């Protein structure tokens, strides 16, 4: 990679880092208003129990994990834009993003539906067939496994370098 290409790559990484921060802050604010503040305000205005508010918070909880994944990607690209080495940064980012997506998918498919059933008195099914949540969970698991492969490849490369 030439010096100009490296500089261009770092500039693009910096732009993407700023875009990721903007996305997490803006989307996080909108989600907090929609799943937390508005239902709480509505519960305060009515004499109904806060079950609706709690259920709304539970429905919005997987988004926190997905936004954390975007944050980890942005942080990794910010590190790359400042000149950090690609391999350890990428391996760490894959691990964090993978865990975030896998956790968000698992929460979306298994926990949200069952916790809402408890809060709302047993309505609903045992499993929420959230295809996007299932997909993100599987992709997250695969990214986590790829990060382990990258870590092992780094160890093998270090052993080979010692032999030479």
N, C-alpha and C. Protein backbone atom coordinates (compact mmCIF):
# COMPACT_ATOMS: atom_id res chain seq x y z
N UNK A 1 0.85 -1.17 0.00
CA UNK A 1 0.00 0.00 0.00
C UNK A 1 0.90 1.24 0.00
N UNK A 2 0.66 2.12 -0.94
CA UNK A 2 1.48 3.33 -1.02
C UNK A 2 1.07 4.30 0.08
N UNK A 3 1.89 5.31 0.27
CA UNK A 3 1.62 6.31 1.31
C UNK A 3 0.31 7.05 1.03
N UNK A 4 0.04 7.37 -0.24
CA UNK A 4 -1.20 8.05 -0.60
C UNK A 4 -2.42 7.17 -0.33
N UNK A 5 -2.31 5.88 -0.66
CA UNK A 5 -3.42 4.96 -0.41
C UNK A 5 -3.67 4.80 1.09
N UNK A 6 -2.59 4.73 1.85
CA UNK A 6 -2.73 4.61 3.30
C UNK A 6 -3.39 5.86 3.89
N UNK A 7 -2.98 7.01 3.42
CA UNK A 7 -3.59 8.26 3.89
C UNK A 7 -5.07 8.31 3.52
N UNK A 8 -5.41 7.92 2.30
CA UNK A 8 -6.80 7.90 1.87
C UNK A 8 -7.61 6.91 2.70
N UNK A 9 -7.04 5.74 2.98
CA UNK A 9 -7.71 4.74 3.82
C UNK A 9 -7.97 5.30 5.21
N UNK A 10 -6.99 5.95 5.79
CA UNK A 10 -7.16 6.52 7.14
C UNK A 10 -8.21 7.63 7.14
N UNK A 11 -8.25 8.43 6.09
CA UNK A 11 -9.27 9.48 6.00
C UNK A 11 -10.67 8.88 5.92
N UNK A 12 -10.83 7.83 5.12
CA UNK A 12 -12.13 7.16 5.01
C UNK A 12 -12.53 6.53 6.34
N UNK A 13 -11.56 5.94 7.04
CA UNK A 13 -11.85 5.35 8.35
C UNK A 13 -12.30 6.43 9.33
N UNK A 14 -11.65 7.58 9.29
CA UNK A 14 -12.05 8.69 10.16
C UNK A 14 -13.45 9.18 9.86
N UNK A 15 -13.79 9.27 8.58
CA UNK A 15 -15.15 9.68 8.20
C UNK A 15 -16.18 8.68 8.68
N UNK A 16 -15.87 7.41 8.49
CA UNK A 16 -16.81 6.39 8.92
C UNK A 16 -16.95 6.39 10.44
N UNK A 17 -15.87 6.65 11.15
CA UNK A 17 -15.93 6.76 12.61
C UNK A 17 -16.90 7.86 13.02
N UNK A 18 -16.79 9.02 12.39
CA UNK A 18 -17.71 10.12 12.71
C UNK A 18 -19.15 9.77 12.33
N UNK A 19 -19.33 9.08 11.22
CA UNK A 19 -20.67 8.65 10.81
C UNK A 19 -21.26 7.67 11.83
N UNK A 20 -20.45 6.75 12.32
CA UNK A 20 -20.93 5.78 13.30
C UNK A 20 -21.32 6.47 14.60
N UNK A 21 -20.51 7.44 15.05
CA UNK A 21 -20.85 8.18 16.26
C UNK A 21 -22.15 8.94 16.06
N UNK A 22 -22.30 9.61 14.91
CA UNK A 22 -23.53 10.34 14.61
C UNK A 22 -24.72 9.40 14.62
N UNK A 23 -24.56 8.24 14.01
CA UNK A 23 -25.66 7.28 13.94
C UNK A 23 -26.06 6.79 15.32
N UNK A 24 -25.08 6.43 16.14
CA UNK A 24 -25.39 5.92 17.48
C UNK A 24 -26.10 6.99 18.31
N UNK A 25 -25.59 8.22 18.24
CA UNK A 25 -26.20 9.30 19.03
C UNK A 25 -27.59 9.64 18.51
N UNK A 26 -27.74 9.81 17.21
CA UNK A 26 -29.04 10.22 16.68
C UNK A 26 -30.08 9.10 16.78
N UNK A 27 -29.73 7.91 16.34
CA UNK A 27 -30.69 6.80 16.42
C UNK A 27 -30.95 6.42 17.87
N UNK A 28 -29.93 6.45 18.70
CA UNK A 28 -30.12 6.17 20.12
C UNK A 28 -31.06 7.16 20.78
N UNK A 29 -30.96 8.42 20.40
CA UNK A 29 -31.86 9.44 20.95
C UNK A 29 -33.30 9.19 20.50
N UNK A 30 -33.48 8.91 19.22
CA UNK A 30 -34.83 8.64 18.71
C UNK A 30 -35.42 7.39 19.38
N UNK A 31 -34.62 6.35 19.52
CA UNK A 31 -35.11 5.13 20.16
C UNK A 31 -35.43 5.37 21.63
N UNK A 32 -34.60 6.14 22.32
CA UNK A 32 -34.87 6.44 23.73
C UNK A 32 -36.17 7.22 23.86
N UNK A 33 -36.40 8.16 22.96
CA UNK A 33 -37.66 8.90 23.00
C UNK A 33 -38.85 8.00 22.73
N UNK A 34 -38.72 7.12 21.74
CA UNK A 34 -39.83 6.26 21.34
C UNK A 34 -40.12 5.12 22.30
N UNK A 35 -39.09 4.52 22.86
CA UNK A 35 -39.30 3.35 23.71
C UNK A 35 -39.28 3.66 25.20
N UNK A 36 -38.77 4.82 25.58
CA UNK A 36 -38.59 5.11 27.00
C UNK A 36 -39.36 6.35 27.43
N UNK A 37 -39.07 7.48 26.82
CA UNK A 37 -39.63 8.74 27.28
C UNK A 37 -41.12 8.86 26.96
N UNK A 38 -41.50 8.63 25.72
CA UNK A 38 -42.90 8.77 25.33
C UNK A 38 -43.82 7.81 26.09
N UNK A 39 -43.49 6.51 26.19
CA UNK A 39 -44.35 5.62 26.98
C UNK A 39 -44.40 6.02 28.47
N UNK A 40 -43.29 6.51 29.01
CA UNK A 40 -43.29 6.95 30.41
C UNK A 40 -44.17 8.18 30.57
N UNK A 41 -44.10 9.10 29.63
CA UNK A 41 -44.95 10.29 29.66
C UNK A 41 -46.42 9.91 29.56
N UNK A 42 -46.74 8.96 28.66
CA UNK A 42 -48.12 8.51 28.52
C UNK A 42 -48.61 7.80 29.79
N UNK A 43 -47.74 7.02 30.41
CA UNK A 43 -48.12 6.34 31.65
C UNK A 43 -48.36 7.34 32.76
N UNK A 44 -47.60 8.42 32.79
CA UNK A 44 -47.80 9.46 33.80
C UNK A 44 -49.09 10.22 33.62
N UNK A 45 -49.55 10.34 32.39
CA UNK A 45 -50.79 11.09 32.11
C UNK A 45 -52.03 10.26 32.35
N UNK A 46 -51.90 8.94 32.31
CA UNK A 46 -53.07 8.08 32.52
C UNK A 46 -52.95 7.37 33.86
N UNK A 47 -54.04 6.79 34.27
CA UNK A 47 -54.05 6.07 35.55
C UNK A 47 -53.73 4.59 35.36
N UNK A 48 -53.27 4.22 34.18
CA UNK A 48 -52.98 2.81 33.91
C UNK A 48 -51.67 2.41 34.58
N UNK A 49 -51.52 1.13 34.86
CA UNK A 49 -50.27 0.65 35.46
C UNK A 49 -49.10 0.80 34.47
N UNK A 50 -47.88 0.80 34.96
CA UNK A 50 -46.72 1.01 34.08
C UNK A 50 -46.33 -0.20 33.25
N UNK A 51 -47.23 -1.18 33.11
CA UNK A 51 -46.91 -2.37 32.33
C UNK A 51 -46.57 -2.03 30.88
N UNK A 52 -47.33 -1.12 30.31
CA UNK A 52 -47.09 -0.73 28.91
C UNK A 52 -45.71 -0.10 28.77
N UNK A 53 -45.32 0.72 29.72
CA UNK A 53 -44.02 1.36 29.68
C UNK A 53 -42.91 0.31 29.77
N UNK A 54 -43.04 -0.62 30.70
CA UNK A 54 -42.03 -1.65 30.87
C UNK A 54 -41.94 -2.55 29.64
N UNK A 55 -43.08 -2.89 29.06
CA UNK A 55 -43.08 -3.70 27.83
C UNK A 55 -42.41 -2.94 26.69
N UNK A 56 -42.64 -1.65 26.61
CA UNK A 56 -42.00 -0.84 25.57
C UNK A 56 -40.49 -0.83 25.73
N UNK A 57 -40.01 -0.71 26.95
CA UNK A 57 -38.57 -0.75 27.20
C UNK A 57 -38.00 -2.10 26.79
N UNK A 58 -38.72 -3.16 27.09
CA UNK A 58 -38.26 -4.50 26.72
C UNK A 58 -38.20 -4.68 25.20
N UNK A 59 -39.21 -4.16 24.49
CA UNK A 59 -39.20 -4.28 23.03
C UNK A 59 -38.04 -3.49 22.41
N UNK A 60 -37.62 -2.42 23.04
CA UNK A 60 -36.52 -1.62 22.52
C UNK A 60 -35.15 -2.10 22.92
N UNK A 61 -35.06 -3.03 23.86
CA UNK A 61 -33.76 -3.45 24.38
C UNK A 61 -32.81 -4.09 23.36
N UNK A 62 -33.27 -4.89 22.38
CA UNK A 62 -32.31 -5.42 21.41
C UNK A 62 -31.58 -4.34 20.63
N UNK A 63 -32.24 -3.22 20.40
CA UNK A 63 -31.61 -2.13 19.65
C UNK A 63 -30.37 -1.60 20.36
N UNK A 64 -30.34 -1.68 21.68
CA UNK A 64 -29.14 -1.24 22.41
C UNK A 64 -27.93 -2.07 22.02
N UNK A 65 -28.12 -3.36 21.87
CA UNK A 65 -27.01 -4.24 21.49
C UNK A 65 -26.58 -3.98 20.05
N UNK A 66 -27.55 -3.74 19.17
CA UNK A 66 -27.22 -3.46 17.78
C UNK A 66 -26.47 -2.13 17.65
N UNK A 67 -26.90 -1.14 18.42
CA UNK A 67 -26.19 0.15 18.41
C UNK A 67 -24.79 0.01 19.02
N UNK A 68 -24.64 -0.86 20.00
CA UNK A 68 -23.32 -1.11 20.56
C UNK A 68 -22.41 -1.70 19.48
N UNK A 69 -22.95 -2.57 18.63
CA UNK A 69 -22.16 -3.13 17.53
C UNK A 69 -21.69 -2.03 16.58
N UNK A 70 -22.58 -1.08 16.27
CA UNK A 70 -22.19 0.04 15.41
C UNK A 70 -21.12 0.88 16.11
N UNK A 71 -21.26 1.07 17.41
CA UNK A 71 -20.27 1.85 18.17
C UNK A 71 -18.90 1.17 18.11
N UNK A 72 -18.86 -0.15 18.27
CA UNK A 72 -17.58 -0.87 18.22
C UNK A 72 -16.94 -0.78 16.84
N UNK A 73 -17.74 -0.83 15.79
CA UNK A 73 -17.20 -0.67 14.44
C UNK A 73 -16.62 0.72 14.29
N UNK A 74 -17.35 1.73 14.72
CA UNK A 74 -16.87 3.10 14.63
C UNK A 74 -15.60 3.31 15.43
N UNK A 75 -15.54 2.73 16.62
CA UNK A 75 -14.34 2.86 17.45
C UNK A 75 -13.13 2.21 16.78
N UNK A 76 -13.34 1.05 16.19
CA UNK A 76 -12.23 0.37 15.51
C UNK A 76 -11.74 1.19 14.32
N UNK A 77 -12.66 1.74 13.56
CA UNK A 77 -12.24 2.55 12.42
C UNK A 77 -11.59 3.85 12.87
N UNK A 78 -12.02 4.39 13.99
CA UNK A 78 -11.33 5.54 14.56
C UNK A 78 -9.90 5.20 14.96
N UNK A 79 -9.71 4.01 15.54
CA UNK A 79 -8.36 3.56 15.88
C UNK A 79 -7.50 3.40 14.63
N UNK A 80 -8.08 2.83 13.58
CA UNK A 80 -7.33 2.66 12.33
C UNK A 80 -6.97 4.01 11.72
N UNK A 81 -7.86 4.97 11.84
CA UNK A 81 -7.58 6.30 11.27
C UNK A 81 -6.44 6.99 12.01
N UNK A 82 -6.21 6.59 13.26
CA UNK A 82 -5.10 7.16 14.04
C UNK A 82 -3.81 6.34 13.91
N UNK A 83 -3.84 5.32 13.06
CA UNK A 83 -2.62 4.59 12.77
C UNK A 83 -2.41 3.30 13.54
N UNK A 84 -3.40 2.82 14.25
CA UNK A 84 -3.25 1.55 14.97
C UNK A 84 -3.14 0.41 13.97
N UNK A 85 -2.47 -0.66 14.35
CA UNK A 85 -2.29 -1.82 13.48
C UNK A 85 -3.64 -2.47 13.13
N UNK A 86 -3.73 -2.93 11.90
CA UNK A 86 -5.01 -3.44 11.39
C UNK A 86 -5.41 -4.75 12.06
N UNK A 87 -4.49 -5.71 12.14
CA UNK A 87 -4.87 -7.05 12.61
C UNK A 87 -5.42 -7.06 14.03
N UNK A 88 -4.73 -6.50 15.03
CA UNK A 88 -5.31 -6.55 16.38
C UNK A 88 -6.59 -5.73 16.50
N UNK A 89 -6.64 -4.62 15.79
CA UNK A 89 -7.85 -3.79 15.82
C UNK A 89 -9.02 -4.54 15.21
N UNK A 90 -8.80 -5.17 14.08
CA UNK A 90 -9.86 -5.91 13.41
C UNK A 90 -10.32 -7.10 14.23
N UNK A 91 -9.39 -7.81 14.81
CA UNK A 91 -9.74 -8.98 15.62
C UNK A 91 -10.60 -8.56 16.82
N UNK A 92 -10.19 -7.51 17.51
CA UNK A 92 -10.95 -7.02 18.66
C UNK A 92 -12.33 -6.52 18.23
N UNK A 93 -12.39 -5.80 17.11
CA UNK A 93 -13.67 -5.29 16.62
C UNK A 93 -14.61 -6.43 16.25
N UNK A 94 -14.10 -7.45 15.58
CA UNK A 94 -14.94 -8.60 15.21
C UNK A 94 -15.50 -9.28 16.45
N UNK A 95 -14.67 -9.41 17.48
CA UNK A 95 -15.12 -10.04 18.71
C UNK A 95 -16.24 -9.22 19.37
N UNK A 96 -16.03 -7.91 19.50
CA UNK A 96 -17.02 -7.06 20.17
C UNK A 96 -18.31 -6.93 19.36
N UNK A 97 -18.17 -6.73 18.05
CA UNK A 97 -19.35 -6.62 17.20
C UNK A 97 -20.11 -7.95 17.18
N UNK A 98 -19.38 -9.04 17.09
CA UNK A 98 -20.02 -10.36 17.09
C UNK A 98 -20.81 -10.61 18.36
N UNK A 99 -20.21 -10.30 19.50
CA UNK A 99 -20.93 -10.49 20.76
C UNK A 99 -22.16 -9.58 20.85
N UNK A 100 -22.02 -8.35 20.39
CA UNK A 100 -23.15 -7.41 20.43
C UNK A 100 -24.30 -7.91 19.57
N UNK A 101 -24.00 -8.29 18.34
CA UNK A 101 -25.06 -8.75 17.44
C UNK A 101 -25.68 -10.06 17.92
N UNK A 102 -24.85 -10.98 18.38
CA UNK A 102 -25.37 -12.27 18.86
C UNK A 102 -26.25 -12.06 20.09
N UNK A 103 -25.84 -11.22 20.99
CA UNK A 103 -26.63 -10.95 22.19
C UNK A 103 -27.93 -10.25 21.84
N UNK A 104 -27.86 -9.26 20.95
CA UNK A 104 -29.08 -8.57 20.52
C UNK A 104 -30.06 -9.52 19.86
N UNK A 105 -29.56 -10.41 19.02
CA UNK A 105 -30.43 -11.38 18.37
C UNK A 105 -31.06 -12.34 19.37
N UNK A 106 -30.27 -12.82 20.32
CA UNK A 106 -30.80 -13.74 21.33
C UNK A 106 -31.84 -13.05 22.21
N UNK A 107 -31.57 -11.81 22.59
CA UNK A 107 -32.53 -11.05 23.40
C UNK A 107 -33.82 -10.85 22.61
N UNK A 108 -33.69 -10.51 21.34
CA UNK A 108 -34.86 -10.26 20.50
C UNK A 108 -35.72 -11.52 20.33
N UNK A 109 -35.09 -12.65 20.11
CA UNK A 109 -35.83 -13.87 19.81
C UNK A 109 -36.34 -14.56 21.07
N UNK A 110 -35.55 -14.62 22.12
CA UNK A 110 -35.91 -15.42 23.28
C UNK A 110 -36.39 -14.62 24.49
N UNK A 111 -35.71 -13.55 24.85
CA UNK A 111 -36.03 -12.86 26.09
C UNK A 111 -37.19 -11.89 26.00
N UNK A 112 -37.23 -11.07 24.96
CA UNK A 112 -38.24 -10.02 24.89
C UNK A 112 -39.65 -10.60 25.00
N UNK A 113 -39.95 -11.58 24.20
CA UNK A 113 -41.30 -12.15 24.19
C UNK A 113 -41.67 -12.72 25.55
N UNK A 114 -40.77 -13.45 26.15
CA UNK A 114 -41.09 -14.09 27.43
C UNK A 114 -41.17 -13.09 28.57
N UNK A 115 -40.32 -12.05 28.58
CA UNK A 115 -40.41 -11.04 29.62
C UNK A 115 -41.69 -10.22 29.47
N UNK A 116 -42.06 -9.92 28.24
CA UNK A 116 -43.31 -9.18 28.03
C UNK A 116 -44.50 -10.05 28.46
N UNK A 117 -44.42 -11.34 28.23
CA UNK A 117 -45.49 -12.24 28.71
C UNK A 117 -45.63 -12.17 30.22
N UNK A 118 -44.51 -12.11 30.93
CA UNK A 118 -44.57 -12.01 32.38
C UNK A 118 -45.18 -10.69 32.82
N UNK A 119 -44.78 -9.61 32.17
CA UNK A 119 -45.24 -8.28 32.55
C UNK A 119 -46.72 -8.09 32.22
N UNK A 120 -47.14 -8.58 31.07
CA UNK A 120 -48.52 -8.35 30.63
C UNK A 120 -49.47 -9.48 31.00
N UNK A 121 -49.04 -10.40 31.82
CA UNK A 121 -49.95 -11.41 32.32
C UNK A 121 -50.16 -12.63 31.44
N UNK A 122 -49.16 -13.06 30.71
CA UNK A 122 -49.24 -14.32 29.99
C UNK A 122 -49.72 -14.25 28.57
N UNK A 123 -49.89 -13.06 28.00
CA UNK A 123 -50.30 -12.99 26.60
C UNK A 123 -49.11 -13.21 25.69
N UNK A 124 -49.34 -13.81 24.53
CA UNK A 124 -48.29 -13.98 23.54
C UNK A 124 -47.68 -15.36 23.54
N UNK A 125 -46.75 -15.57 22.61
CA UNK A 125 -46.12 -16.87 22.43
C UNK A 125 -44.85 -17.00 23.25
N UNK A 126 -44.24 -18.17 23.11
CA UNK A 126 -43.01 -18.45 23.84
C UNK A 126 -41.77 -18.02 23.06
N UNK A 127 -41.92 -17.86 21.76
CA UNK A 127 -40.78 -17.54 20.91
C UNK A 127 -41.22 -16.53 19.86
N UNK A 128 -40.41 -15.52 19.67
CA UNK A 128 -40.71 -14.48 18.68
C UNK A 128 -39.88 -14.78 17.43
N UNK A 129 -40.55 -15.11 16.34
CA UNK A 129 -39.83 -15.45 15.12
C UNK A 129 -39.43 -14.18 14.39
N UNK A 130 -38.44 -13.53 14.96
CA UNK A 130 -37.90 -12.29 14.43
C UNK A 130 -36.76 -12.67 13.49
N UNK A 131 -37.07 -12.76 12.20
CA UNK A 131 -36.07 -13.22 11.23
C UNK A 131 -34.86 -12.28 11.19
N UNK A 132 -35.03 -10.95 11.18
CA UNK A 132 -33.84 -10.08 11.23
C UNK A 132 -33.02 -10.30 12.51
N UNK A 133 -33.69 -10.49 13.64
CA UNK A 133 -32.98 -10.76 14.89
C UNK A 133 -32.22 -12.07 14.84
N UNK A 134 -32.85 -13.10 14.27
CA UNK A 134 -32.17 -14.39 14.13
C UNK A 134 -30.96 -14.26 13.21
N UNK A 135 -31.14 -13.52 12.12
CA UNK A 135 -30.05 -13.35 11.16
C UNK A 135 -28.88 -12.60 11.80
N UNK A 136 -29.19 -11.50 12.48
CA UNK A 136 -28.12 -10.74 13.14
C UNK A 136 -27.43 -11.56 14.22
N UNK A 137 -28.19 -12.37 14.94
CA UNK A 137 -27.59 -13.24 15.95
C UNK A 137 -26.63 -14.24 15.34
N UNK A 138 -27.02 -14.84 14.21
CA UNK A 138 -26.13 -15.80 13.53
C UNK A 138 -24.89 -15.12 12.96
N UNK A 139 -25.07 -13.95 12.36
CA UNK A 139 -23.92 -13.21 11.85
C UNK A 139 -22.99 -12.82 12.99
N UNK A 140 -23.56 -12.42 14.10
CA UNK A 140 -22.75 -12.08 15.27
C UNK A 140 -21.93 -13.26 15.76
N UNK A 141 -22.56 -14.43 15.82
CA UNK A 141 -21.81 -15.62 16.23
C UNK A 141 -20.69 -15.95 15.27
N UNK A 142 -20.95 -15.79 13.97
CA UNK A 142 -19.92 -16.06 12.97
C UNK A 142 -18.77 -15.06 13.09
N UNK A 143 -19.07 -13.79 13.32
CA UNK A 143 -18.01 -12.79 13.50
C UNK A 143 -17.16 -13.11 14.72
N UNK A 144 -17.80 -13.53 15.80
CA UNK A 144 -17.06 -13.90 16.99
C UNK A 144 -16.11 -15.06 16.69
N UNK A 145 -16.60 -16.07 15.99
CA UNK A 145 -15.74 -17.21 15.64
C UNK A 145 -14.60 -16.78 14.72
N UNK A 146 -14.88 -15.89 13.77
CA UNK A 146 -13.81 -15.39 12.88
C UNK A 146 -12.75 -14.63 13.66
N UNK A 147 -13.14 -13.93 14.70
CA UNK A 147 -12.14 -13.22 15.51
C UNK A 147 -11.20 -14.22 16.19
N UNK A 148 -11.72 -15.35 16.59
CA UNK A 148 -10.87 -16.37 17.21
C UNK A 148 -9.90 -16.97 16.19
N UNK A 149 -10.39 -17.15 14.95
CA UNK A 149 -9.52 -17.65 13.88
C UNK A 149 -8.40 -16.64 13.62
N UNK A 150 -8.74 -15.35 13.60
CA UNK A 150 -7.72 -14.32 13.37
C UNK A 150 -6.69 -14.29 14.50
N UNK A 151 -7.15 -14.46 15.74
CA UNK A 151 -6.22 -14.51 16.86
C UNK A 151 -5.26 -15.68 16.72
N UNK A 152 -5.79 -16.83 16.33
CA UNK A 152 -4.94 -18.02 16.16
C UNK A 152 -3.96 -17.82 15.01
N UNK A 153 -4.41 -17.19 13.93
CA UNK A 153 -3.52 -16.93 12.80
C UNK A 153 -2.38 -16.00 13.22
N UNK A 154 -2.67 -15.05 14.07
CA UNK A 154 -1.63 -14.14 14.57
C UNK A 154 -0.60 -14.91 15.40
N UNK A 155 -1.08 -15.83 16.22
CA UNK A 155 -0.16 -16.65 17.02
C UNK A 155 0.74 -17.51 16.13
N UNK A 156 0.14 -18.12 15.11
CA UNK A 156 0.91 -18.96 14.19
C UNK A 156 1.92 -18.11 13.43
N UNK A 157 1.52 -16.92 13.00
CA UNK A 157 2.44 -16.02 12.29
C UNK A 157 3.61 -15.62 13.19
N UNK A 158 3.33 -15.38 14.47
CA UNK A 158 4.41 -15.04 15.40
C UNK A 158 5.38 -16.19 15.58
N UNK A 159 4.86 -17.43 15.62
CA UNK A 159 5.73 -18.60 15.73
C UNK A 159 6.60 -18.75 14.49
N UNK A 160 6.00 -18.54 13.32
CA UNK A 160 6.76 -18.65 12.07
C UNK A 160 7.82 -17.56 11.99
N UNK A 161 7.49 -16.36 12.43
CA UNK A 161 8.47 -15.27 12.42
C UNK A 161 9.65 -15.56 13.33
N UNK A 162 9.39 -16.25 14.46
CA UNK A 162 10.48 -16.61 15.37
C UNK A 162 11.42 -17.63 14.73
N UNK A 163 10.88 -18.50 13.89
CA UNK A 163 11.70 -19.53 13.25
C UNK A 163 12.64 -18.94 12.21
N UNK A 164 12.22 -17.85 11.62
CA UNK A 164 13.03 -17.27 10.53
C UNK A 164 14.12 -16.43 11.06
